[in-house]
Amino acid sequence: MIISKQLKKPQLVLIVDDQEINRDVLGMILEDYYEIIYASNGREALAMIEQYKDRLSIVLLDLIMPEMDGFEVIARVRGDEFLNSIPIIVLTAERNAELRALQMGALDFITKPFDMHEVILARVSRIIELSEGRQLISAAEHDQLTMLYSRNFFFEYANRIHHYHPDWHMDAVVLNIEQFHSVNALNGREFGDKVLRTIGDEVRAFLSETEGIASRIEADRFAVYCTPQADYEALLERFQAAVNALSRNASIRLRMGVNPWREDVEPVLLFDRARAACNLVRGDFKSHLMIYDEEMQEREILNQRLLNDLRRAVEEKQLVVYYQPKYNVQCDPPRLSSAEALIRWNHPELGMISPASFIPLLEGNGQIGVVDNYVWNEAARQIAEWQEKFGVTIPVSVNLSRVDVFDPQLEQRLVDLLKEHGLDYRSLKLEVTESAYTDNAGQMIELINHLRARGFEIEMDDFGSGYSSLNMLSCMPIDVLKMDMAFVRNIEHSEKDFRLVEVVLDIARYLKVPVVAEGVETQRQLDMLKDAGCELIQGYFFSRPLPPEEFERLIQAELETERKSEA
């Protein structure tokens, strides 16, 4: 290899030899291409390596020296995590010494005397190039903040462990910082980086005591692939203690998910499940650790199947809309006023599936809009069918999910739907949860104002389950307030709960809107609510949610009661 002369390169070379003539000869060979510094023994060499560790490109190291020989220098450098990446070429005339040095971590050797200048230049240049290439790879291989593996390298190494060492049992651990964006916002980005470095340091300390690898795979999420631990609660407490020591003024909570080793499960899936377990304790102030188990796996499999089967369920009308009646209790006898549309899934293989099993799943995966549209269409069709069959309009309340709010075609879709079935705007009431208001207040209020201007009636569902302030309530455009069933459940036995109901009714009177009380199951509950001024009641006292054909019996009974009263 021939190296052409050029301007002095920035690479720094340390020549270590106790013989001045050897230092001078090597310096003359290399000085046109590199910046040169010198040491005359091992102790001087170690001091200069430490001093120039961030600039040093290579060390040319004599093996036989007084005070400290080259073997000791190699051992010291290779044993230091901050120095061990510096390449070393040994200088020797002894064949046995060459082999020993290479086994200890030297990358090449140059034999004495130094008579083949081109060979020496070629060897130095090649080792520097290889070392710099490794450093580039290392920069991509590691997260520079925590010095843990980067995501891609981590999973590459985890996959190799899984495939090449199938007898190694390795658990997947995911560690996350609760509300890390708030930590940054309150304490500054520099403090947030300090938290991440502290966790990285503690994770590396843990791995020095056991077998495994680790990564900061996202901003505040860490993955640890390690041998099974007897007490993961203690491990989480160890990480938490390291973070707590940073500051008395910052409240930082960690949460952890663990997926124990499974022979037939690839690392990527192991960590997906560990992350799912970690997410289950998000916001839980009592528990911060979740171990992925068989029950969670079964639930995960079911969830994936439901997501896969959703389109088919819509096409084959496996989704069935039930109707729960609402009665006006401020007249005697109570009168059927309207209904709420509630979805059920009659799966051909799994049977009837409760909405509690699939609605949160679809919301979390952005698929709830598919169900919402289905319910709107079925409800509008059913209202029109009852109009034709019985000559009366039974208004039906349908849900607007958070995802619907961001649909630019929502208003026009609802208008077109009513036109298609010949319905007026008040026949399809739109329910929006209190939490949807608070999550997207500005956009939600703008949308609701547009819909109300069209003539739609808006119901706030689950009032009292969220965090609305009275001031926000005064700005919310609503026509009906639906009181969460948690308020009603215990009013017979708790004066405090009943007082809360009275407060909600007072708020509704201030807003000049009627209240629907959900979850009413007993005569006593009904009487208390009626006496307190509640207008509309919904719950098992009158009826559970019914399929359309059974709901028609309520309509017929209502019409019969009207005929008798008129007679």
Protein backbone atom coordinates (compact mmCIF):
# COMPACT_ATOMS: atom_id res chain seq x y z
CA MET A 1 0.00 0.00 0.00
CA ILE A 2 1.47 3.39 -1.04
CA ILE A 3 0.44 6.51 0.93
CA SER A 4 0.93 9.78 -0.93
CA LYS A 5 2.29 12.80 0.95
CA GLN A 6 -0.29 15.41 1.87
CA LEU A 7 -0.98 18.03 4.53
CA LYS A 8 -0.52 16.73 8.06
CA LYS A 9 -3.56 14.67 9.07
CA PRO A 10 -5.43 15.22 12.34
CA GLN A 11 -4.85 11.63 13.55
CA LEU A 12 -2.71 11.50 16.67
CA VAL A 13 -0.17 8.66 17.10
CA LEU A 14 1.53 7.78 20.39
CA ILE A 15 4.92 6.04 20.05
CA VAL A 16 6.04 4.23 23.21
CA ASP A 17 9.59 2.84 23.39
CA ASP A 18 12.35 3.08 25.98
CA GLN A 19 14.96 3.42 23.22
CA GLU A 20 15.20 6.98 21.90
CA ILE A 21 16.55 5.80 18.53
CA ASN A 22 13.50 3.59 17.98
CA ARG A 23 11.20 6.49 18.79
CA ASP A 24 13.07 8.75 16.36
CA VAL A 25 13.00 6.22 13.52
CA LEU A 26 9.26 5.59 13.81
CA GLY A 27 8.63 9.33 14.16
CA MET A 28 10.54 10.02 10.91
CA ILE A 29 8.51 7.35 9.08
CA LEU A 30 5.13 8.69 10.27
CA GLU A 31 5.60 12.42 10.82
CA ASP A 32 4.60 13.44 7.28
CA TYR A 33 1.20 11.77 7.73
CA TYR A 34 0.32 11.96 11.43
CA GLU A 35 0.76 14.10 14.50
CA ILE A 36 3.21 12.31 16.78
CA ILE A 37 3.64 12.25 20.57
CA TYR A 38 6.10 10.11 22.53
CA ALA A 39 6.47 8.16 25.79
CA SER A 40 9.57 6.35 27.07
CA ASN A 41 7.93 3.79 29.37
CA GLY A 42 4.63 2.21 30.31
CA ARG A 43 3.75 4.65 33.08
CA GLU A 44 4.27 7.67 30.83
CA ALA A 45 2.26 5.89 28.13
CA LEU A 46 -0.75 5.32 30.39
CA ALA A 47 -0.72 8.96 31.50
CA MET A 48 -0.65 10.19 27.90
CA ILE A 49 -3.31 7.73 26.79
CA GLU A 50 -5.58 9.03 29.54
CA GLN A 51 -4.74 12.66 28.65
CA TYR A 52 -5.34 12.29 24.91
CA LYS A 53 -7.97 9.54 24.93
CA ASP A 54 -10.48 11.61 22.96
CA ARG A 55 -7.98 12.36 20.15
CA LEU A 56 -5.68 9.38 20.10
CA SER A 57 -5.93 7.30 16.91
CA ILE A 58 -3.38 4.57 17.67
CA VAL A 59 -0.62 3.49 20.07
CA LEU A 60 2.65 1.93 18.82
CA LEU A 61 3.79 0.09 21.94
CA ASP A 62 7.10 -1.54 22.77
CA LEU A 63 6.64 -4.65 24.91
CA ILE A 64 9.94 -4.84 26.81
CA MET A 65 10.39 -1.66 28.90
CA PRO A 66 11.47 -0.74 32.45
CA GLU A 67 9.06 0.43 35.20
CA MET A 68 5.99 -0.95 33.34
CA ASP A 69 6.18 -3.20 30.31
CA GLY A 70 3.89 -3.18 27.29
CA PHE A 71 1.89 -6.19 28.47
CA GLU A 72 0.78 -4.29 31.57
CA VAL A 73 -0.17 -1.30 29.43
CA ILE A 74 -2.29 -3.50 27.16
CA ALA A 75 -4.01 -5.06 30.17
CA ARG A 76 -4.75 -1.64 31.71
CA VAL A 77 -6.10 -0.16 28.47
CA ARG A 78 -8.24 -3.15 27.61
CA GLY A 79 -9.65 -3.22 31.14
CA ASP A 80 -10.85 0.40 31.00
CA GLU A 81 -14.23 0.95 29.29
CA PHE A 82 -13.22 4.48 28.26
CA LEU A 83 -9.85 3.45 26.74
CA ASN A 84 -10.37 -0.04 25.38
CA SER A 85 -11.41 1.13 21.91
CA ILE A 86 -7.97 2.71 21.25
CA PRO A 87 -6.07 0.40 18.85
CA ILE A 88 -2.59 -0.87 19.79
CA ILE A 89 0.21 -2.14 17.53
CA VAL A 90 3.06 -3.81 19.42
CA LEU A 91 6.75 -3.31 18.64
CA THR A 92 8.87 -6.39 19.24
CA ALA A 93 11.50 -8.73 17.89
CA GLU A 94 10.28 -11.76 19.87
CA ARG A 95 7.85 -14.13 18.15
CA ASN A 96 6.42 -15.52 21.39
CA ALA A 97 5.76 -12.00 22.66
CA GLU A 98 3.79 -11.19 19.48
CA LEU A 99 1.37 -14.03 20.06
CA ARG A 100 0.83 -13.18 23.71
CA ALA A 101 0.21 -9.51 22.87
CA LEU A 102 -2.30 -10.35 20.16
CA GLN A 103 -4.15 -12.66 22.55
CA MET A 104 -4.34 -9.82 25.09
CA GLY A 105 -5.94 -7.42 22.61
CA ALA A 106 -3.24 -5.87 20.41
CA LEU A 107 -4.43 -5.56 16.82
CA ASP A 108 -1.15 -6.00 14.93
CA PHE A 109 2.64 -6.05 15.35
CA ILE A 110 5.67 -4.37 13.78
CA THR A 111 8.94 -6.25 14.00
CA LYS A 112 12.25 -4.69 14.90
CA PRO A 113 14.40 -3.36 13.38
CA PHE A 114 12.22 -0.87 11.48
CA ASP A 115 13.59 -1.32 7.97
CA MET A 116 10.41 -1.70 5.85
CA HIS A 117 8.98 1.80 6.00
CA GLU A 118 6.15 1.24 3.48
CA VAL A 119 4.97 -1.83 5.40
CA ILE A 120 4.94 0.13 8.67
CA LEU A 121 2.95 2.97 7.08
CA ALA A 122 0.50 0.51 5.55
CA ARG A 123 -0.08 -1.31 8.83
CA VAL A 124 -0.62 1.88 10.81
CA SER A 125 -2.95 3.30 8.16
CA ARG A 126 -4.99 0.08 7.94
CA ILE A 127 -5.43 -0.25 11.69
CA ILE A 128 -6.48 3.41 12.02
CA GLU A 129 -9.03 3.00 9.21
CA LEU A 130 -10.43 -0.17 10.78
CA SER A 131 -10.61 1.48 14.19
CA GLU A 132 -12.36 4.57 12.86
CA GLY A 133 -14.81 2.33 11.02
CA ARG A 134 -15.54 0.50 14.25
CA GLN A 135 -16.02 3.81 16.04
CA LEU A 136 -18.58 4.87 13.44
CA ILE A 137 -20.39 1.57 13.92
CA SER A 138 -20.17 2.01 17.68
CA ALA A 139 -21.71 5.48 17.41
CA ALA A 140 -24.70 3.93 15.62
CA GLU A 141 -24.62 0.90 17.89
CA HIS A 142 -25.04 2.86 21.12
CA ASP A 143 -27.35 5.56 22.39
CA GLN A 144 -24.89 8.35 23.11
CA LEU A 145 -26.81 9.62 26.13
CA THR A 146 -26.98 6.37 28.09
CA MET A 147 -24.36 4.24 26.26
CA LEU A 148 -26.89 1.43 26.01
CA TYR A 149 -27.50 -0.26 22.67
CA SER A 150 -29.56 1.55 20.07
CA ARG A 151 -32.87 -0.07 19.14
CA ASN A 152 -31.76 -1.78 15.90
CA PHE A 153 -28.54 -3.21 17.32
CA PHE A 154 -30.31 -4.32 20.48
CA PHE A 155 -32.85 -6.42 18.63
CA GLU A 156 -30.17 -7.77 16.30
CA TYR A 157 -28.15 -9.02 19.28
CA ALA A 158 -31.27 -10.25 21.10
CA ASN A 159 -32.25 -12.26 18.02
CA ARG A 160 -28.76 -13.77 17.82
CA ILE A 161 -28.93 -14.80 21.47
CA HIS A 162 -32.36 -16.35 20.88
CA HIS A 163 -31.31 -18.30 17.78
CA TYR A 164 -27.73 -19.29 18.64
CA HIS A 165 -28.24 -19.97 22.34
CA PRO A 166 -31.72 -21.52 22.62
CA ASP A 167 -30.81 -22.97 26.02
CA TRP A 168 -30.40 -19.48 27.50
CA HIS A 169 -33.57 -18.40 29.30
CA MET A 170 -33.92 -14.65 28.82
CA ASP A 171 -36.77 -12.46 30.11
CA ALA A 172 -37.95 -9.27 28.40
CA VAL A 173 -38.18 -6.23 30.68
CA VAL A 174 -39.55 -2.83 29.63
CA LEU A 175 -38.96 0.17 31.88
CA ASN A 176 -40.77 3.46 31.31
CA ILE A 177 -40.90 6.86 32.98
CA GLU A 178 -44.39 8.01 33.95
CA GLN A 179 -45.29 11.34 32.28
CA PHE A 180 -41.70 12.01 31.20
CA HIS A 181 -42.78 15.01 29.11
CA SER A 182 -43.94 16.64 32.35
CA VAL A 183 -40.56 15.94 33.97
CA ASN A 184 -38.89 17.79 31.10
CA ALA A 185 -41.42 20.63 31.15
CA LEU A 186 -41.13 21.22 34.90
CA ASN A 187 -37.42 20.63 35.43
CA GLY A 188 -35.81 21.35 32.07
CA ARG A 189 -34.34 19.19 29.33
CA GLU A 190 -30.95 19.04 31.02
CA PHE A 191 -32.47 17.46 34.12
CA GLY A 192 -34.48 15.07 31.94
CA ASP A 193 -31.26 13.93 30.25
CA LYS A 194 -29.73 13.43 33.70
CA VAL A 195 -32.62 11.15 34.62
CA LEU A 196 -32.10 9.10 31.45
CA ARG A 197 -28.34 8.82 32.05
CA THR A 198 -28.95 7.74 35.65
CA ILE A 199 -31.29 4.97 34.54
CA GLY A 200 -28.78 3.93 31.88
CA ASP A 201 -25.98 3.79 34.46
CA GLU A 202 -28.08 1.72 36.85
CA VAL A 203 -29.18 -0.66 34.08
CA ARG A 204 -25.52 -1.19 33.08
CA ALA A 205 -24.59 -1.76 36.72
CA PHE A 206 -27.37 -4.36 36.96
CA LEU A 207 -26.16 -6.11 33.79
CA SER A 208 -22.62 -6.28 35.20
CA GLU A 209 -24.07 -8.55 37.87
CA THR A 210 -26.03 -10.83 35.54
CA GLU A 211 -26.22 -11.91 31.90
CA GLY A 212 -27.99 -9.66 29.42
CA ILE A 213 -28.13 -6.62 27.15
CA ALA A 214 -30.12 -3.39 27.25
CA SER A 215 -31.28 -0.51 25.09
CA ARG A 216 -32.93 2.88 25.29
CA ILE A 217 -35.32 2.03 22.47
CA GLU A 218 -37.34 5.25 22.64
CA ALA A 219 -37.10 8.63 24.36
CA ASP A 220 -38.02 7.40 27.85
CA ARG A 221 -38.43 3.66 27.29
CA PHE A 222 -35.75 1.11 28.15
CA ALA A 223 -35.58 -2.56 27.20
CA VAL A 224 -33.56 -5.13 29.15
CA TYR A 225 -33.00 -8.69 27.90
CA CYS A 226 -31.72 -10.57 30.92
CA THR A 227 -31.62 -13.88 32.71
CA PRO A 228 -34.74 -14.44 34.86
CA GLN A 229 -34.75 -12.53 38.14
CA ALA A 230 -36.22 -13.84 41.37
CA ASP A 231 -37.74 -10.50 42.39
CA TYR A 232 -38.66 -7.94 39.74
CA GLU A 233 -40.31 -5.76 42.35
CA ALA A 234 -36.91 -5.37 44.00
CA LEU A 235 -35.32 -4.61 40.63
CA LEU A 236 -37.86 -1.87 39.95
CA GLU A 237 -37.24 -0.46 43.44
CA ARG A 238 -33.50 -0.43 42.67
CA PHE A 239 -34.03 1.64 39.51
CA GLN A 240 -36.52 3.87 41.33
CA ALA A 241 -34.07 4.51 44.16
CA ALA A 242 -31.40 5.65 41.69
CA VAL A 243 -33.84 8.16 40.18
CA ASN A 244 -35.10 9.33 43.59
CA ALA A 245 -31.54 10.21 44.61
CA LEU A 246 -31.33 12.84 41.86
CA SER A 247 -33.58 15.41 43.47
CA ARG A 248 -35.92 15.81 46.42
CA ASN A 249 -37.99 18.34 44.50
CA ALA A 250 -38.80 16.21 41.43
CA SER A 251 -41.39 13.44 41.59
CA ILE A 252 -40.43 10.79 39.05
CA ARG A 253 -42.19 7.43 38.87
CA LEU A 254 -41.01 4.42 36.91
CA ARG A 255 -43.18 1.56 35.73
CA MET A 256 -42.12 -1.86 34.51
CA GLY A 257 -43.54 -4.66 32.39
CA VAL A 258 -42.01 -8.13 32.24
CA ASN A 259 -42.59 -10.97 29.80
CA PRO A 260 -40.97 -14.17 31.08
CA TRP A 261 -38.95 -16.33 28.67
CA ARG A 262 -40.83 -18.50 26.21
CA GLU A 263 -38.90 -20.91 23.99
CA ASP A 264 -41.21 -20.39 21.01
CA VAL A 265 -41.44 -16.58 21.18
CA GLU A 266 -39.06 -14.28 19.29
CA PRO A 267 -37.52 -11.34 21.20
CA VAL A 268 -39.50 -8.69 19.29
CA LEU A 269 -42.78 -10.30 20.35
CA LEU A 270 -41.50 -10.81 23.90
CA PHE A 271 -40.84 -7.08 24.16
CA ASP A 272 -44.14 -6.15 22.53
CA ARG A 273 -45.88 -8.08 25.29
CA ALA A 274 -43.65 -6.65 28.00
CA ARG A 275 -44.52 -3.18 26.72
CA ALA A 276 -48.23 -4.04 26.77
CA ALA A 277 -47.86 -5.16 30.38
CA CYS A 278 -46.00 -1.94 31.21
CA ASN A 279 -48.77 0.13 29.62
CA LEU A 280 -51.38 -1.57 31.79
CA VAL A 281 -49.96 0.13 34.89
CA ARG A 282 -49.74 3.57 33.27
CA GLY A 283 -51.27 6.07 35.68
CA ASP A 284 -51.78 3.41 38.37
CA PHE A 285 -50.53 4.92 41.62
CA LYS A 286 -50.78 1.65 43.53
CA SER A 287 -48.96 -0.75 41.23
CA HIS A 288 -46.00 -0.01 38.97
CA LEU A 289 -45.12 -3.55 37.88
CA MET A 290 -47.01 -5.96 35.64
CA ILE A 291 -45.91 -9.48 34.68
CA TYR A 292 -47.28 -10.70 31.35
CA ASP A 293 -49.18 -13.94 31.97
CA GLU A 294 -51.40 -16.48 30.23
CA GLU A 295 -54.55 -14.45 30.87
CA MET A 296 -53.01 -11.42 29.19
CA GLN A 297 -51.87 -13.58 26.28
CA GLU A 298 -55.36 -14.97 25.81
CA ARG A 299 -56.76 -11.45 25.92
CA GLU A 300 -54.18 -10.28 23.38
CA ILE A 301 -55.08 -13.14 21.03
CA LEU A 302 -58.78 -12.36 21.42
CA ASN A 303 -58.18 -8.66 20.78
CA GLN A 304 -56.27 -9.37 17.61
CA ARG A 305 -58.98 -11.70 16.41
CA LEU A 306 -61.67 -9.09 17.05
CA LEU A 307 -59.68 -6.48 15.13
CA ASN A 308 -59.25 -8.91 12.25
CA ASP A 309 -62.96 -9.84 12.25
CA LEU A 310 -64.37 -6.30 12.48
CA ARG A 311 -64.84 -5.63 8.76
CA ARG A 312 -66.50 -8.98 8.27
CA ALA A 313 -68.74 -8.28 11.27
CA VAL A 314 -69.95 -5.07 9.63
CA GLU A 315 -70.49 -6.70 6.23
CA GLU A 316 -72.40 -9.65 7.69
CA LYS A 317 -74.32 -7.54 10.24
CA GLN A 318 -72.92 -9.48 13.18
CA LEU A 319 -73.05 -6.16 15.02
CA VAL A 320 -76.50 -5.77 16.52
CA VAL A 321 -77.90 -2.50 17.81
CA TYR A 322 -79.90 -2.78 21.02
CA TYR A 323 -82.12 -0.01 22.38
CA GLN A 324 -82.52 0.95 26.03
CA PRO A 325 -85.59 3.10 26.73
CA LYS A 326 -85.59 6.43 28.55
CA TYR A 327 -88.74 7.34 30.46
CA ASN A 328 -90.04 10.73 31.51
CA VAL A 329 -90.88 10.28 35.19
CA GLN A 330 -92.30 13.75 35.80
CA CYS A 331 -95.67 12.51 34.56
CA ASP A 332 -97.89 9.74 35.84
CA PRO A 333 -97.57 7.09 34.64
CA PRO A 334 -93.99 7.51 33.30
CA ARG A 335 -93.92 7.82 29.52
CA LEU A 336 -91.53 6.37 26.97
CA SER A 337 -89.55 9.38 25.77
CA SER A 338 -86.62 8.11 23.71
CA ALA A 339 -83.93 5.44 23.58
CA GLU A 340 -80.18 4.98 23.54
CA ALA A 341 -78.53 2.84 20.86
CA LEU A 342 -76.11 0.31 22.34
CA ILE A 343 -73.97 -2.02 20.25
CA ARG A 344 -73.54 -5.77 20.72
CA TRP A 345 -71.42 -8.18 18.71
CA ASN A 346 -73.00 -11.54 17.94
CA HIS A 347 -69.88 -13.35 16.76
CA PRO A 348 -70.61 -16.56 14.81
CA GLU A 349 -67.98 -18.51 16.78
CA LEU A 350 -67.45 -16.57 20.01
CA GLY A 351 -71.12 -15.83 20.68
CA MET A 352 -72.45 -12.55 22.08
CA ILE A 353 -69.58 -10.23 22.97
CA SER A 354 -70.08 -7.44 25.50
CA PRO A 355 -69.21 -3.92 24.32
CA ALA A 356 -66.86 -3.66 27.31
CA SER A 357 -64.74 -6.29 25.55
CA PHE A 358 -64.38 -4.54 22.20
CA ILE A 359 -65.27 -0.82 22.44
CA PRO A 360 -62.09 0.18 24.39
CA LEU A 361 -60.07 -2.03 22.04
CA LEU A 362 -61.45 -0.31 18.95
CA GLU A 363 -60.99 3.13 20.52
CA GLY A 364 -57.36 2.36 21.29
CA ASN A 365 -56.71 1.14 17.74
CA GLY A 366 -58.53 3.95 15.96
CA GLN A 367 -61.26 1.63 14.62
CA ILE A 368 -64.18 2.91 16.68
CA GLY A 369 -65.33 5.11 13.79
CA VAL A 370 -66.30 1.96 11.87
CA VAL A 371 -68.68 0.94 14.66
CA ASP A 372 -70.01 4.46 15.14
CA ASN A 373 -70.97 4.75 11.49
CA TYR A 374 -72.63 1.35 11.61
CA VAL A 375 -74.69 2.34 14.67
CA TRP A 376 -75.73 5.68 13.13
CA ASN A 377 -76.99 3.95 10.01
CA GLU A 378 -78.81 1.20 11.88
CA ALA A 379 -80.40 3.65 14.32
CA ALA A 380 -81.60 5.98 11.53
CA ARG A 381 -83.03 3.05 9.60
CA GLN A 382 -84.78 1.76 12.73
CA ILE A 383 -86.29 5.16 13.62
CA ALA A 384 -87.69 5.43 10.10
CA GLU A 385 -89.07 1.89 10.26
CA TRP A 386 -90.84 2.58 13.56
CA GLN A 387 -92.26 5.82 12.16
CA GLU A 388 -93.80 3.93 9.27
CA LYS A 389 -94.98 1.02 11.40
CA PHE A 390 -96.39 2.88 14.42
CA GLY A 391 -96.82 6.45 13.20
CA VAL A 392 -94.61 7.86 16.01
CA THR A 393 -91.03 9.07 16.23
CA ILE A 394 -88.87 7.52 18.94
CA PRO A 395 -85.71 9.65 19.11
CA VAL A 396 -82.54 7.60 19.53
CA SER A 397 -79.26 8.74 21.07
CA VAL A 398 -76.06 7.62 19.34
CA ASN A 399 -72.47 8.09 20.40
CA LEU A 400 -69.85 10.41 18.90
CA SER A 401 -66.36 9.13 19.72
CA ARG A 402 -63.23 11.24 19.98
CA VAL A 403 -62.08 10.03 16.57
CA ASP A 404 -65.33 11.27 14.98
CA VAL A 405 -64.56 14.81 16.08
CA PHE A 406 -61.57 14.92 13.73
CA ASP A 407 -63.56 13.70 10.72
CA PRO A 408 -64.04 16.72 8.42
CA GLN A 409 -66.99 14.98 6.75
CA LEU A 410 -68.84 14.20 9.98
CA GLU A 411 -71.49 16.92 9.76
CA GLN A 412 -72.29 16.24 6.12
CA ARG A 413 -72.38 12.48 6.70
CA LEU A 414 -74.97 12.87 9.46
CA VAL A 415 -77.05 15.31 7.39
CA ASP A 416 -77.03 12.95 4.40
CA LEU A 417 -78.00 10.03 6.63
CA LEU A 418 -81.10 11.81 7.94
CA LYS A 419 -82.12 12.90 4.46
CA GLU A 420 -81.78 9.34 3.20
CA HIS A 421 -84.28 8.10 5.80
CA GLY A 422 -86.56 11.15 5.80
CA LEU A 423 -85.84 12.07 9.42
CA ASP A 424 -85.65 15.45 11.15
CA TYR A 425 -82.58 16.49 13.08
CA ARG A 426 -84.07 15.94 16.55
CA SER A 427 -84.79 12.29 15.88
CA LEU A 428 -81.09 11.36 16.10
CA LYS A 429 -79.58 12.71 19.32
CA LEU A 430 -75.78 12.89 19.52
CA GLU A 431 -74.01 11.81 22.73
CA VAL A 432 -70.54 13.13 23.51
CA THR A 433 -68.69 12.04 26.65
CA GLU A 434 -67.54 14.60 29.17
CA SER A 435 -63.92 13.46 28.72
CA ALA A 436 -64.15 14.15 24.97
CA TYR A 437 -65.08 17.75 25.78
CA THR A 438 -62.18 18.17 28.18
CA ASP A 439 -59.64 16.49 25.87
CA ASN A 440 -60.45 18.59 22.80
CA ALA A 441 -62.45 21.49 24.21
CA GLY A 442 -61.88 24.05 21.47
CA GLN A 443 -62.40 21.77 18.50
CA MET A 444 -65.26 19.94 20.18
CA ILE A 445 -67.16 23.13 21.01
CA GLU A 446 -66.75 24.41 17.44
CA LEU A 447 -68.10 21.15 16.02
CA ILE A 448 -71.03 20.98 18.46
CA ASN A 449 -72.01 24.55 17.66
CA HIS A 450 -72.17 23.64 13.97
CA LEU A 451 -74.27 20.55 14.67
CA ARG A 452 -76.67 22.40 16.98
CA ALA A 453 -77.05 25.13 14.36
CA ARG A 454 -78.22 22.39 12.01
CA GLY A 455 -80.83 21.31 14.55
CA PHE A 456 -79.17 18.31 16.22
CA GLU A 457 -79.59 17.87 19.98
CA ILE A 458 -76.39 17.20 21.92
CA GLU A 459 -76.23 15.12 25.09
CA MET A 460 -73.23 15.14 27.42
CA ASP A 461 -72.76 11.51 28.43
CA ASP A 462 -71.15 10.20 31.65
CA PHE A 463 -71.26 13.59 33.34
CA GLY A 464 -69.37 13.44 36.63
CA SER A 465 -66.91 10.77 35.54
CA GLY A 466 -64.38 13.31 34.25
CA TYR A 467 -62.90 16.56 35.41
CA SER A 468 -65.03 19.36 34.00
CA SER A 469 -65.01 22.60 35.91
CA LEU A 470 -68.20 24.58 36.43
CA ASN A 471 -66.67 27.36 34.40
CA MET A 472 -66.09 24.99 31.47
CA LEU A 473 -69.64 23.68 31.78
CA SER A 474 -71.00 27.16 31.24
CA CYS A 475 -69.19 27.27 27.87
CA MET A 476 -70.23 23.82 26.68
CA PRO A 477 -73.06 23.81 24.15
CA ILE A 478 -75.34 20.96 25.28
CA ASP A 479 -79.07 20.18 25.30
CA VAL A 480 -79.18 17.25 27.74
CA LEU A 481 -76.99 16.24 30.70
CA LYS A 482 -76.60 12.49 31.30
CA MET A 483 -75.63 11.75 34.89
CA ASP A 484 -73.12 8.93 35.24
CA MET A 485 -74.60 5.82 36.85
CA ALA A 486 -71.95 5.91 39.58
CA PHE A 487 -73.89 8.81 41.12
CA VAL A 488 -77.10 6.80 41.30
CA ARG A 489 -75.79 3.44 42.45
CA ASN A 490 -75.72 4.15 46.18
CA ILE A 491 -78.17 7.01 46.75
CA GLU A 492 -80.54 4.78 48.77
CA HIS A 493 -77.86 4.14 51.36
CA SER A 494 -75.65 7.22 51.28
CA GLU A 495 -76.82 10.74 52.02
CA LYS A 496 -73.56 12.08 50.64
CA ASP A 497 -74.13 10.38 47.28
CA PHE A 498 -77.66 11.73 47.11
CA ARG A 499 -76.40 15.23 47.85
CA LEU A 500 -74.05 14.90 44.88
CA VAL A 501 -77.03 13.97 42.71
CA GLU A 502 -78.84 17.05 43.90
CA VAL A 503 -75.78 19.16 43.02
CA VAL A 504 -75.80 17.76 39.46
CA LEU A 505 -79.51 18.54 39.16
CA ASP A 506 -78.87 22.08 40.41
CA ILE A 507 -76.16 22.48 37.75
CA ALA A 508 -78.60 21.29 35.08
CA ARG A 509 -81.22 23.78 36.24
CA TYR A 510 -78.59 26.51 36.00
CA LEU A 511 -77.81 25.39 32.45
CA LYS A 512 -81.56 25.03 31.73
CA VAL A 513 -81.19 21.49 30.39
CA PRO A 514 -82.94 18.24 31.36
CA VAL A 515 -81.06 15.42 33.12
CA VAL A 516 -81.05 11.73 32.26
CA ALA A 517 -80.17 9.50 35.21
CA GLU A 518 -78.52 6.28 34.08
CA GLY A 519 -78.37 2.97 35.92
CA VAL A 520 -81.66 3.25 37.86
CA GLU A 521 -82.63 -0.18 39.15
CA THR A 522 -85.07 0.22 42.05
CA GLN A 523 -88.35 1.97 42.83
CA ARG A 524 -86.69 3.81 45.71
CA GLN A 525 -83.99 5.23 43.41
CA LEU A 526 -86.66 6.34 40.94
CA ASP A 527 -88.74 8.04 43.65
CA MET A 528 -85.73 9.90 45.08
CA LEU A 529 -84.66 11.13 41.64
CA LYS A 530 -88.18 12.15 40.68
CA ASP A 531 -88.68 14.09 43.91
CA ALA A 532 -85.32 15.82 43.36
CA GLY A 533 -86.48 17.04 39.95
CA CYS A 534 -84.81 14.57 37.57
CA GLU A 535 -86.87 14.35 34.37
CA LEU A 536 -85.61 11.29 32.50
CA ILE A 537 -84.69 7.83 33.78
CA GLN A 538 -82.76 5.06 32.05
CA GLY A 539 -81.94 1.73 33.62
CA TYR A 540 -82.96 -1.83 34.43
CA PHE A 541 -85.88 -0.64 36.56
CA PHE A 542 -87.72 -0.01 33.30
CA SER A 543 -85.82 -2.25 30.92
CA ARG A 544 -82.47 -3.67 29.97
CA PRO A 545 -81.18 -2.86 26.44
CA LEU A 546 -83.46 -4.68 23.96
CA PRO A 547 -83.18 -5.89 20.39
CA PRO A 548 -85.50 -3.96 18.02
CA GLU A 549 -88.27 -6.57 17.98
CA GLU A 550 -88.53 -6.57 21.78
CA PHE A 551 -88.33 -2.78 22.00
CA GLU A 552 -91.37 -2.63 19.72
CA ARG A 553 -93.44 -4.17 22.53
CA LEU A 554 -92.67 -1.12 24.66
CA ILE A 555 -93.82 1.14 21.84
CA GLN A 556 -97.04 -0.86 21.48
CA ALA A 557 -97.64 -0.73 25.24
CA GLU A 558 -97.13 3.03 25.21
CA LEU A 559 -99.58 3.48 22.35
CA GLU A 560 -102.13 1.31 24.12
CA THR A 561 -101.78 3.38 27.30
CA GLU A 562 -102.36 6.56 25.28
CA ARG A 563 -105.47 5.15 23.64
CA LYS A 564 -106.93 4.17 27.00
CA SER A 565 -106.21 7.57 28.52
CA GLU A 566 -107.86 9.33 25.55
CA ALA A 567 -110.92 7.08 25.83
